[in-house]
């Protein structure tokens, strides 16, 4: 719970240009919306029979919010902190006419054991300093995992896109909390003709881990049915053709397939 609350505080620190939306039906997290009025909490969304939310349900809900109209929408996991350089990157992208209107922005994460963090920063400069210290010390991303490792290179927890990039009516029943969400979103956006933008070097994305480490999700799957754990890898869910290409790595699923990459918070190439 501490990690999720810090995630919410991190999103709120991005300022009035960002509207944080929390998808949850948990009473504790819903209560935080009362504590932080700038948070928008949504408790009604579609799930599979195991209670896992469909990513298309989240995205379509964002698109239909009557009071919120944004140049960008996005999804981030509940244990992620984002640096404020994200705002400068988005402004730079808006000023670049060469980037397609349809675009998906992704960034690889840096893992950090959050039990080492005893105090959440009170000011934005302190927050930024903490994040930059974490990201600059990681070698490389995914907490000392070699970049050539498939899981490390393909694991992403930040997805920002322009409205219209995804067709929610045709998206498959991919759920949050299972493998292949990132690969599915990237491949779907690329096949729709969108530009893929790699934010890894410009935006610090910190994955707050607990005592279970970087693969806490896998440990949480112990004792669950194979149909539950492998939901996104079921051909009837993701489609047999997509699954075959995903396993052969013959479709765009990683930052290595980017059309654009920011080298720093001040620009891209």
C-alpha atoms as a PDB file:
ATOM      1  CA  UNK A   1       0.000   0.000   0.000  1.00  0.00           C
ATOM      2  CA  UNK A   2       2.886   2.348   0.764  1.00  0.00           C
ATOM      3  CA  UNK A   3       4.258   1.880  -2.740  1.00  0.00           C
ATOM      4  CA  UNK A   4       0.903   2.581  -4.377  1.00  0.00           C
ATOM      5  CA  UNK A   5       0.377   5.705  -2.281  1.00  0.00           C
ATOM      6  CA  UNK A   6       3.805   6.976  -3.287  1.00  0.00           C
ATOM      7  CA  UNK A   7       2.912   6.306  -6.930  1.00  0.00           C
ATOM      8  CA  UNK A   8      -0.191   8.486  -6.537  1.00  0.00           C
ATOM      9  CA  UNK A   9       1.816  11.265  -4.892  1.00  0.00           C
ATOM     10  CA  UNK A  10       4.349  11.067  -7.699  1.00  0.00           C
ATOM     11  CA  UNK A  11       1.632  11.495 -10.336  1.00  0.00           C
ATOM     12  CA  UNK A  12       0.107  14.414  -8.452  1.00  0.00           C
ATOM     13  CA  UNK A  13       3.508  16.111  -8.316  1.00  0.00           C
ATOM     14  CA  UNK A  14       3.467  16.397 -12.129  1.00  0.00           C
ATOM     15  CA  UNK A  15       1.161  19.373 -11.720  1.00  0.00           C
ATOM     16  CA  UNK A  16      -2.093  20.706 -13.168  1.00  0.00           C
ATOM     17  CA  UNK A  17      -1.286  19.732 -16.766  1.00  0.00           C
ATOM     18  CA  UNK A  18      -1.639  16.055 -15.799  1.00  0.00           C
ATOM     19  CA  UNK A  19      -4.880  14.468 -14.620  1.00  0.00           C
ATOM     20  CA  UNK A  20      -4.060  11.306 -12.627  1.00  0.00           C
ATOM     21  CA  UNK A  21      -6.713   8.610 -12.988  1.00  0.00           C
ATOM     22  CA  UNK A  22      -6.668   5.579 -10.694  1.00  0.00           C
ATOM     23  CA  UNK A  23      -8.526   2.424 -11.687  1.00  0.00           C
ATOM     24  CA  UNK A  24      -9.394   0.521  -8.535  1.00  0.00           C
ATOM     25  CA  UNK A  25     -12.278  -1.046  -6.670  1.00  0.00           C
ATOM     26  CA  UNK A  26     -10.271  -1.419  -3.464  1.00  0.00           C
ATOM     27  CA  UNK A  27     -11.836   0.530  -0.553  1.00  0.00           C
ATOM     28  CA  UNK A  28      -8.445   1.681   0.744  1.00  0.00           C
ATOM     29  CA  UNK A  29      -7.341   3.231  -2.531  1.00  0.00           C
ATOM     30  CA  UNK A  30     -10.777   4.699  -3.126  1.00  0.00           C
ATOM     31  CA  UNK A  31     -10.418   6.405   0.247  1.00  0.00           C
ATOM     32  CA  UNK A  32      -7.243   8.079  -0.974  1.00  0.00           C
ATOM     33  CA  UNK A  33      -9.334   9.890  -3.568  1.00  0.00           C
ATOM     34  CA  UNK A  34     -11.027  11.618  -0.656  1.00  0.00           C
ATOM     35  CA  UNK A  35      -7.625  12.556   0.749  1.00  0.00           C
ATOM     36  CA  UNK A  36      -6.295  13.771  -2.621  1.00  0.00           C
ATOM     37  CA  UNK A  37      -9.148  15.576  -4.428  1.00  0.00           C
ATOM     38  CA  UNK A  38      -7.041  15.997  -7.601  1.00  0.00           C
ATOM     39  CA  UNK A  39      -7.101  12.227  -8.087  1.00  0.00           C
ATOM     40  CA  UNK A  40      -9.861  10.830 -10.270  1.00  0.00           C
ATOM     41  CA  UNK A  41     -10.784   7.287  -9.247  1.00  0.00           C
ATOM     42  CA  UNK A  42     -12.759   4.919 -11.483  1.00  0.00           C
ATOM     43  CA  UNK A  43     -14.107   1.733  -9.931  1.00  0.00           C
ATOM     44  CA  UNK A  44     -16.147   0.401 -12.857  1.00  0.00           C
ATOM     45  CA  UNK A  45     -14.163  -1.414 -15.557  1.00  0.00           C
ATOM     46  CA  UNK A  46     -14.315  -4.738 -17.354  1.00  0.00           C
ATOM     47  CA  UNK A  47     -12.390  -7.771 -16.119  1.00  0.00           C
ATOM     48  CA  UNK A  48     -11.951 -11.394 -17.095  1.00  0.00           C
ATOM     49  CA  UNK A  49     -13.274 -14.223 -14.920  1.00  0.00           C
ATOM     50  CA  UNK A  50     -10.181 -14.017 -12.727  1.00  0.00           C
ATOM     51  CA  UNK A  51     -10.781 -10.362 -11.884  1.00  0.00           C
ATOM     52  CA  UNK A  52      -7.960  -9.033 -14.075  1.00  0.00           C
ATOM     53  CA  UNK A  53      -8.815  -5.780 -15.906  1.00  0.00           C
ATOM     54  CA  UNK A  54      -8.774  -5.589 -19.699  1.00  0.00           C
ATOM     55  CA  UNK A  55      -6.316  -2.928 -20.840  1.00  0.00           C
ATOM     56  CA  UNK A  56      -8.808  -1.869 -23.543  1.00  0.00           C
ATOM     57  CA  UNK A  57     -11.362  -1.149 -20.800  1.00  0.00           C
ATOM     58  CA  UNK A  58      -8.971   1.261 -19.069  1.00  0.00           C
ATOM     59  CA  UNK A  59      -8.140   2.979 -22.350  1.00  0.00           C
ATOM     60  CA  UNK A  60     -11.726   3.351 -23.515  1.00  0.00           C
ATOM     61  CA  UNK A  61     -12.710   4.758 -20.111  1.00  0.00           C
ATOM     62  CA  UNK A  62     -10.009   7.428 -20.416  1.00  0.00           C
ATOM     63  CA  UNK A  63     -11.220   8.314 -23.889  1.00  0.00           C
ATOM     64  CA  UNK A  64     -14.796   8.776 -22.735  1.00  0.00           C
ATOM     65  CA  UNK A  65     -14.202  10.998 -19.700  1.00  0.00           C
ATOM     66  CA  UNK A  66     -16.513  13.976 -20.261  1.00  0.00           C
ATOM     67  CA  UNK A  67     -14.519  16.442 -18.170  1.00  0.00           C
ATOM     68  CA  UNK A  68     -10.990  15.569 -19.328  1.00  0.00           C
ATOM     69  CA  UNK A  69      -9.564  16.282 -22.781  1.00  0.00           C
ATOM     70  CA  UNK A  70      -5.838  15.765 -23.205  1.00  0.00           C
ATOM     71  CA  UNK A  71      -3.288  15.739 -26.018  1.00  0.00           C
ATOM     72  CA  UNK A  72      -1.977  12.477 -24.557  1.00  0.00           C
ATOM     73  CA  UNK A  73      -3.415   9.584 -22.594  1.00  0.00           C
ATOM     74  CA  UNK A  74      -1.489   6.848 -20.890  1.00  0.00           C
ATOM     75  CA  UNK A  75      -1.212   3.846 -18.637  1.00  0.00           C
ATOM     76  CA  UNK A  76       1.357   3.215 -15.929  1.00  0.00           C
ATOM     77  CA  UNK A  77       1.527   0.407 -13.382  1.00  0.00           C
ATOM     78  CA  UNK A  78       0.714   1.106  -9.741  1.00  0.00           C
ATOM     79  CA  UNK A  79       4.316   0.787  -8.555  1.00  0.00           C
ATOM     80  CA  UNK A  80       5.949   3.340 -10.872  1.00  0.00           C
ATOM     81  CA  UNK A  81       7.380   6.832 -10.370  1.00  0.00           C
ATOM     82  CA  UNK A  82       7.959   9.207 -13.315  1.00  0.00           C
ATOM     83  CA  UNK A  83      10.374  12.092 -13.556  1.00  0.00           C
ATOM     84  CA  UNK A  84       9.142  15.567 -14.465  1.00  0.00           C
ATOM     85  CA  UNK A  85      11.283  15.488 -17.615  1.00  0.00           C
ATOM     86  CA  UNK A  86       8.289  13.700 -19.140  1.00  0.00           C
ATOM     87  CA  UNK A  87       6.481  17.031 -19.475  1.00  0.00           C
ATOM     88  CA  UNK A  88       9.357  18.621 -21.408  1.00  0.00           C
ATOM     89  CA  UNK A  89       9.568  15.589 -23.678  1.00  0.00           C
ATOM     90  CA  UNK A  90       5.860  15.806 -24.502  1.00  0.00           C
ATOM     91  CA  UNK A  91       6.178  19.488 -25.331  1.00  0.00           C
ATOM     92  CA  UNK A  92       9.164  18.760 -27.589  1.00  0.00           C
ATOM     93  CA  UNK A  93       7.168  16.099 -29.412  1.00  0.00           C
ATOM     94  CA  UNK A  94       4.279  18.492 -30.001  1.00  0.00           C
ATOM     95  CA  UNK A  95       6.721  20.883 -31.658  1.00  0.00           C
ATOM     96  CA  UNK A  96       8.090  18.224 -34.041  1.00  0.00           C
ATOM     97  CA  UNK A  97       5.936  18.033 -37.192  1.00  0.00           C
ATOM     98  CA  UNK A  98       7.794  14.963 -38.456  1.00  0.00           C
ATOM     99  CA  UNK A  99       6.367  12.669 -35.777  1.00  0.00           C
ATOM    100  CA  UNK A 100       3.092  11.075 -36.840  1.00  0.00           C
ATOM    101  CA  UNK A 101      -0.144  12.132 -35.175  1.00  0.00           C
ATOM    102  CA  UNK A 102      -0.612   8.536 -34.081  1.00  0.00           C
ATOM    103  CA  UNK A 103       2.189   7.809 -31.632  1.00  0.00           C
ATOM    104  CA  UNK A 104       3.002   5.516 -28.727  1.00  0.00           C
ATOM    105  CA  UNK A 105       5.638   6.549 -26.193  1.00  0.00           C
ATOM    106  CA  UNK A 106       7.308   3.882 -24.081  1.00  0.00           C
ATOM    107  CA  UNK A 107      10.179   3.695 -21.641  1.00  0.00           C
ATOM    108  CA  UNK A 108      12.052   0.926 -19.926  1.00  0.00           C
ATOM    109  CA  UNK A 109      12.035   0.917 -16.146  1.00  0.00           C
ATOM    110  CA  UNK A 110      14.754   1.036 -13.518  1.00  0.00           C
ATOM    111  CA  UNK A 111      14.136  -1.240 -10.535  1.00  0.00           C
ATOM    112  CA  UNK A 112      14.739   0.028  -7.016  1.00  0.00           C
ATOM    113  CA  UNK A 113      14.164  -1.710  -3.688  1.00  0.00           C
ATOM    114  CA  UNK A 114      11.685   0.685  -2.105  1.00  0.00           C
ATOM    115  CA  UNK A 115      12.254  -0.594   1.423  1.00  0.00           C
ATOM    116  CA  UNK A 116      15.473   1.463   1.225  1.00  0.00           C
ATOM    117  CA  UNK A 117      13.336   4.605   0.920  1.00  0.00           C
ATOM    118  CA  UNK A 118      12.394   5.785   4.402  1.00  0.00           C
ATOM    119  CA  UNK A 119      11.032   9.204   3.442  1.00  0.00           C
ATOM    120  CA  UNK A 120       9.118  10.318   0.359  1.00  0.00           C
ATOM    121  CA  UNK A 121      10.447  13.679  -0.895  1.00  0.00           C
ATOM    122  CA  UNK A 122       8.449  16.731   0.176  1.00  0.00           C
ATOM    123  CA  UNK A 123       9.479  19.015  -2.685  1.00  0.00           C
ATOM    124  CA  UNK A 124       9.729  18.629  -6.455  1.00  0.00           C
ATOM    125  CA  UNK A 125      13.523  19.309  -6.531  1.00  0.00           C
ATOM    126  CA  UNK A 126      14.031  16.604  -3.888  1.00  0.00           C
ATOM    127  CA  UNK A 127      11.775  14.226  -5.823  1.00  0.00           C
ATOM    128  CA  UNK A 128      13.654  14.802  -9.081  1.00  0.00           C
ATOM    129  CA  UNK A 129      17.027  14.454  -7.385  1.00  0.00           C
ATOM    130  CA  UNK A 130      16.002  11.132  -5.848  1.00  0.00           C
ATOM    131  CA  UNK A 131      14.753   9.726  -9.166  1.00  0.00           C
ATOM    132  CA  UNK A 132      17.770  10.849 -11.145  1.00  0.00           C
ATOM    133  CA  UNK A 133      20.060   9.314  -8.530  1.00  0.00           C
ATOM    134  CA  UNK A 134      18.241   5.981  -8.819  1.00  0.00           C
ATOM    135  CA  UNK A 135      18.238   5.946 -12.618  1.00  0.00           C
ATOM    136  CA  UNK A 136      21.837   7.076 -13.039  1.00  0.00           C
ATOM    137  CA  UNK A 137      23.112   4.340 -10.709  1.00  0.00           C
ATOM    138  CA  UNK A 138      21.301   1.480 -12.422  1.00  0.00           C
ATOM    139  CA  UNK A 139      23.502  -0.440 -14.855  1.00  0.00           C
ATOM    140  CA  UNK A 140      21.813  -0.720 -17.194  1.00  0.00           C
ATOM    141  CA  UNK A 141      17.994  -0.797 -16.945  1.00  0.00           C
ATOM    142  CA  UNK A 142      15.944  -3.475 -15.228  1.00  0.00           C
ATOM    143  CA  UNK A 143      18.325  -3.525 -12.272  1.00  0.00           C
ATOM    144  CA  UNK A 144      21.619  -4.812 -13.611  1.00  0.00           C
ATOM    145  CA  UNK A 145      20.055  -7.172 -16.141  1.00  0.00           C
ATOM    146  CA  UNK A 146      21.973  -7.296 -19.400  1.00  0.00           C
ATOM    147  CA  UNK A 147      20.237  -5.434 -22.221  1.00  0.00           C
ATOM    148  CA  UNK A 148      20.371  -8.471 -24.484  1.00  0.00           C
ATOM    149  CA  UNK A 149      18.149 -10.405 -22.078  1.00  0.00           C
ATOM    150  CA  UNK A 150      14.706 -10.733 -23.707  1.00  0.00           C
ATOM    151  CA  UNK A 151      12.611 -10.099 -20.597  1.00  0.00           C
ATOM    152  CA  UNK A 152      14.736  -7.135 -19.512  1.00  0.00           C
ATOM    153  CA  UNK A 153      14.775  -5.464 -22.909  1.00  0.00           C
ATOM    154  CA  UNK A 154      11.059  -5.932 -23.483  1.00  0.00           C
ATOM    155  CA  UNK A 155       9.685  -5.056 -20.036  1.00  0.00           C
ATOM    156  CA  UNK A 156       8.054  -1.639 -19.959  1.00  0.00           C
ATOM    157  CA  UNK A 157       5.663  -0.082 -17.475  1.00  0.00           C
ATOM    158  CA  UNK A 158       4.945   3.268 -19.143  1.00  0.00           C
ATOM    159  CA  UNK A 159       2.696   3.728 -22.167  1.00  0.00           C
ATOM    160  CA  UNK A 160       1.645   7.175 -23.408  1.00  0.00           C
ATOM    161  CA  UNK A 161      -0.275   7.603 -26.632  1.00  0.00           C
ATOM    162  CA  UNK A 162      -2.300  10.099 -28.614  1.00  0.00           C
ATOM    163  CA  UNK A 163      -6.084   9.633 -28.792  1.00  0.00           C
ATOM    164  CA  UNK A 164      -6.950   7.623 -31.891  1.00  0.00           C
ATOM    165  CA  UNK A 165      -3.796   5.522 -31.822  1.00  0.00           C
ATOM    166  CA  UNK A 166      -5.715   2.426 -30.653  1.00  0.00           C
ATOM    167  CA  UNK A 167      -9.045   1.042 -31.849  1.00  0.00           C
ATOM    168  CA  UNK A 168     -10.591  -0.245 -28.632  1.00  0.00           C
ATOM    169  CA  UNK A 169     -13.341  -2.083 -30.528  1.00  0.00           C
ATOM    170  CA  UNK A 170     -10.860  -4.381 -32.262  1.00  0.00           C
ATOM    171  CA  UNK A 171      -8.341  -4.824 -29.432  1.00  0.00           C
ATOM    172  CA  UNK A 172      -8.058  -8.335 -28.048  1.00  0.00           C
ATOM    173  CA  UNK A 173      -8.873  -9.327 -24.456  1.00  0.00           C
ATOM    174  CA  UNK A 174      -5.386  -8.660 -23.093  1.00  0.00           C
ATOM    175  CA  UNK A 175      -5.378  -8.064 -19.336  1.00  0.00           C
ATOM    176  CA  UNK A 176      -3.230  -6.069 -16.949  1.00  0.00           C
ATOM    177  CA  UNK A 177      -1.064  -8.053 -14.554  1.00  0.00           C
ATOM    178  CA  UNK A 178       0.038 -10.750 -16.990  1.00  0.00           C
ATOM    179  CA  UNK A 179       2.931 -11.038 -19.448  1.00  0.00           C
ATOM    180  CA  UNK A 180       2.850  -9.666 -22.999  1.00  0.00           C
ATOM    181  CA  UNK A 181       0.801  -6.518 -22.313  1.00  0.00           C
ATOM    182  CA  UNK A 182       3.713  -4.327 -23.411  1.00  0.00           C
ATOM    183  CA  UNK A 183       4.425  -6.393 -26.521  1.00  0.00           C
ATOM    184  CA  UNK A 184       0.776  -6.388 -27.509  1.00  0.00           C
ATOM    185  CA  UNK A 185       0.398  -2.609 -27.171  1.00  0.00           C
ATOM    186  CA  UNK A 186       3.573  -1.889 -29.128  1.00  0.00           C
ATOM    187  CA  UNK A 187       2.801  -4.310 -31.939  1.00  0.00           C
ATOM    188  CA  UNK A 188      -0.802  -3.121 -32.190  1.00  0.00           C
ATOM    189  CA  UNK A 189       0.228   0.525 -32.391  1.00  0.00           C
ATOM    190  CA  UNK A 190       2.925  -0.192 -34.986  1.00  0.00           C
ATOM    191  CA  UNK A 191       0.568  -2.234 -37.147  1.00  0.00           C
ATOM    192  CA  UNK A 192      -1.893   0.681 -37.012  1.00  0.00           C
ATOM    193  CA  UNK A 193       0.792   2.915 -38.507  1.00  0.00           C
ATOM    194  CA  UNK A 194       1.768   4.774 -35.342  1.00  0.00           C
ATOM    195  CA  UNK A 195       5.248   6.058 -34.591  1.00  0.00           C
ATOM    196  CA  UNK A 196       6.976   4.408 -31.618  1.00  0.00           C
ATOM    197  CA  UNK A 197       8.987   6.799 -29.432  1.00  0.00           C
ATOM    198  CA  UNK A 198      11.555   5.560 -26.906  1.00  0.00           C
ATOM    199  CA  UNK A 199      11.685   7.756 -23.786  1.00  0.00           C
ATOM    200  CA  UNK A 200      14.142   5.598 -21.840  1.00  0.00           C
ATOM    201  CA  UNK A 201      17.102   7.982 -21.892  1.00  0.00           C
ATOM    202  CA  UNK A 202      15.016  11.104 -21.251  1.00  0.00           C
ATOM    203  CA  UNK A 203      12.448  10.027 -18.661  1.00  0.00           C
ATOM    204  CA  UNK A 204      13.383   8.261 -15.434  1.00  0.00           C
ATOM    205  CA  UNK A 205      10.863   5.457 -14.817  1.00  0.00           C
ATOM    206  CA  UNK A 206      11.424   3.941 -11.376  1.00  0.00           C
ATOM    207  CA  UNK A 207       9.887   0.579 -10.503  1.00  0.00           C
ATOM    208  CA  UNK A 208       9.400   0.499  -6.728  1.00  0.00           C
ATOM    209  CA  UNK A 209       9.964  -3.089  -5.636  1.00  0.00           C
ATOM    210  CA  UNK A 210       9.283  -4.677  -2.270  1.00  0.00           C
ATOM    211  CA  UNK A 211      10.913  -7.567  -0.416  1.00  0.00           C
ATOM    212  CA  UNK A 212       9.775  -9.952  -3.188  1.00  0.00           C
ATOM    213  CA  UNK A 213      12.095  -8.254  -5.667  1.00  0.00           C
ATOM    214  CA  UNK A 214      11.686  -7.451  -9.356  1.00  0.00           C
ATOM    215  CA  UNK A 215       9.478 -10.442 -10.138  1.00  0.00           C
ATOM    216  CA  UNK A 216       6.891 -10.047  -7.401  1.00  0.00           C
ATOM    217  CA  UNK A 217       4.116 -10.659  -9.897  1.00  0.00           C
ATOM    218  CA  UNK A 218       5.456 -14.098 -10.733  1.00  0.00           C
ATOM    219  CA  UNK A 219       5.643 -15.027  -7.057  1.00  0.00           C
ATOM    220  CA  UNK A 220       2.059 -13.870  -6.605  1.00  0.00           C
ATOM    221  CA  UNK A 221       0.954 -16.341  -9.278  1.00  0.00           C
ATOM    222  CA  UNK A 222       1.908 -19.400  -7.253  1.00  0.00           C
ATOM    223  CA  UNK A 223      -1.048 -21.704  -6.773  1.00  0.00           C
ATOM    224  CA  UNK A 224      -3.121 -20.063  -9.509  1.00  0.00           C
ATOM    225  CA  UNK A 225      -4.432 -21.979 -12.497  1.00  0.00           C
ATOM    226  CA  UNK A 226      -2.447 -22.073 -15.725  1.00  0.00           C
ATOM    227  CA  UNK A 227      -5.382 -20.474 -17.545  1.00  0.00           C
ATOM    228  CA  UNK A 228      -5.189 -17.550 -15.161  1.00  0.00           C
ATOM    229  CA  UNK A 229      -1.414 -17.112 -15.239  1.00  0.00           C
ATOM    230  CA  UNK A 230      -1.086 -17.622 -19.002  1.00  0.00           C
ATOM    231  CA  UNK A 231      -4.219 -15.669 -19.930  1.00  0.00           C
ATOM    232  CA  UNK A 232      -2.508 -13.309 -22.375  1.00  0.00           C
ATOM    233  CA  UNK A 233      -0.711 -16.215 -24.029  1.00  0.00           C
ATOM    234  CA  UNK A 234      -3.922 -18.091 -24.795  1.00  0.00           C
ATOM    235  CA  UNK A 235      -4.411 -18.169 -28.601  1.00  0.00           C
ATOM    236  CA  UNK A 236      -8.141 -17.589 -28.142  1.00  0.00           C
ATOM    237  CA  UNK A 237      -7.323 -14.352 -26.291  1.00  0.00           C
ATOM    238  CA  UNK A 238      -4.402 -12.822 -28.169  1.00  0.00           C
ATOM    239  CA  UNK A 239      -4.987 -14.596 -31.491  1.00  0.00           C
ATOM    240  CA  UNK A 240      -2.939 -17.552 -32.808  1.00  0.00           C
ATOM    241  CA  UNK A 241      -1.178 -15.497 -35.473  1.00  0.00           C
ATOM    242  CA  UNK A 242      -0.101 -12.808 -33.018  1.00  0.00           C
ATOM    243  CA  UNK A 243       1.109 -15.374 -30.490  1.00  0.00           C
ATOM    244  CA  UNK A 244       3.177 -17.217 -33.081  1.00  0.00           C
ATOM    245  CA  UNK A 245       4.823 -14.001 -34.277  1.00  0.00           C
ATOM    246  CA  UNK A 246       5.365 -12.837 -30.703  1.00  0.00           C
ATOM    247  CA  UNK A 247       7.168 -16.040 -29.773  1.00  0.00           C
ATOM    248  CA  UNK A 248       9.288 -15.835 -32.927  1.00  0.00           C
ATOM    249  CA  UNK A 249       9.970 -12.176 -32.146  1.00  0.00           C
ATOM    250  CA  UNK A 250       8.947 -11.353 -35.686  1.00  0.00           C
ATOM    251  CA  UNK A 251       6.770  -8.381 -34.703  1.00  0.00           C
ATOM    252  CA  UNK A 252       7.605  -5.063 -33.089  1.00  0.00           C
ATOM    253  CA  UNK A 253       7.471  -5.563 -29.315  1.00  0.00           C
ATOM    254  CA  UNK A 254      10.316  -3.516 -27.819  1.00  0.00           C
ATOM    255  CA  UNK A 255      12.030  -0.138 -27.677  1.00  0.00           C
ATOM    256  CA  UNK A 256      14.417  -1.582 -30.237  1.00  0.00           C
ATOM    257  CA  UNK A 257      11.654  -1.102 -32.803  1.00  0.00           C
ATOM    258  CA  UNK A 258      11.355   2.630 -32.104  1.00  0.00           C
ATOM    259  CA  UNK A 259      11.020   5.187 -34.883  1.00  0.00           C
ATOM    260  CA  UNK A 260      12.254   7.950 -32.582  1.00  0.00           C
ATOM    261  CA  UNK A 261      14.395   7.984 -29.450  1.00  0.00           C
ATOM    262  CA  UNK A 262      15.074  10.821 -27.034  1.00  0.00           C
ATOM    263  CA  UNK A 263      18.707  11.006 -26.065  1.00  0.00           C
ATOM    264  CA  UNK A 264      18.034  13.431 -23.222  1.00  0.00           C
ATOM    265  CA  UNK A 265      15.238  15.514 -21.793  1.00  0.00           C
ATOM    266  CA  UNK A 266      16.095  18.283 -24.190  1.00  0.00           C
ATOM    267  CA  UNK A 267      15.595  16.594 -27.537  1.00  0.00           C
ATOM    268  CA  UNK A 268      15.329  13.525 -29.718  1.00  0.00           C
ATOM    269  CA  UNK A 269      16.611  12.152 -32.995  1.00  0.00           C
END
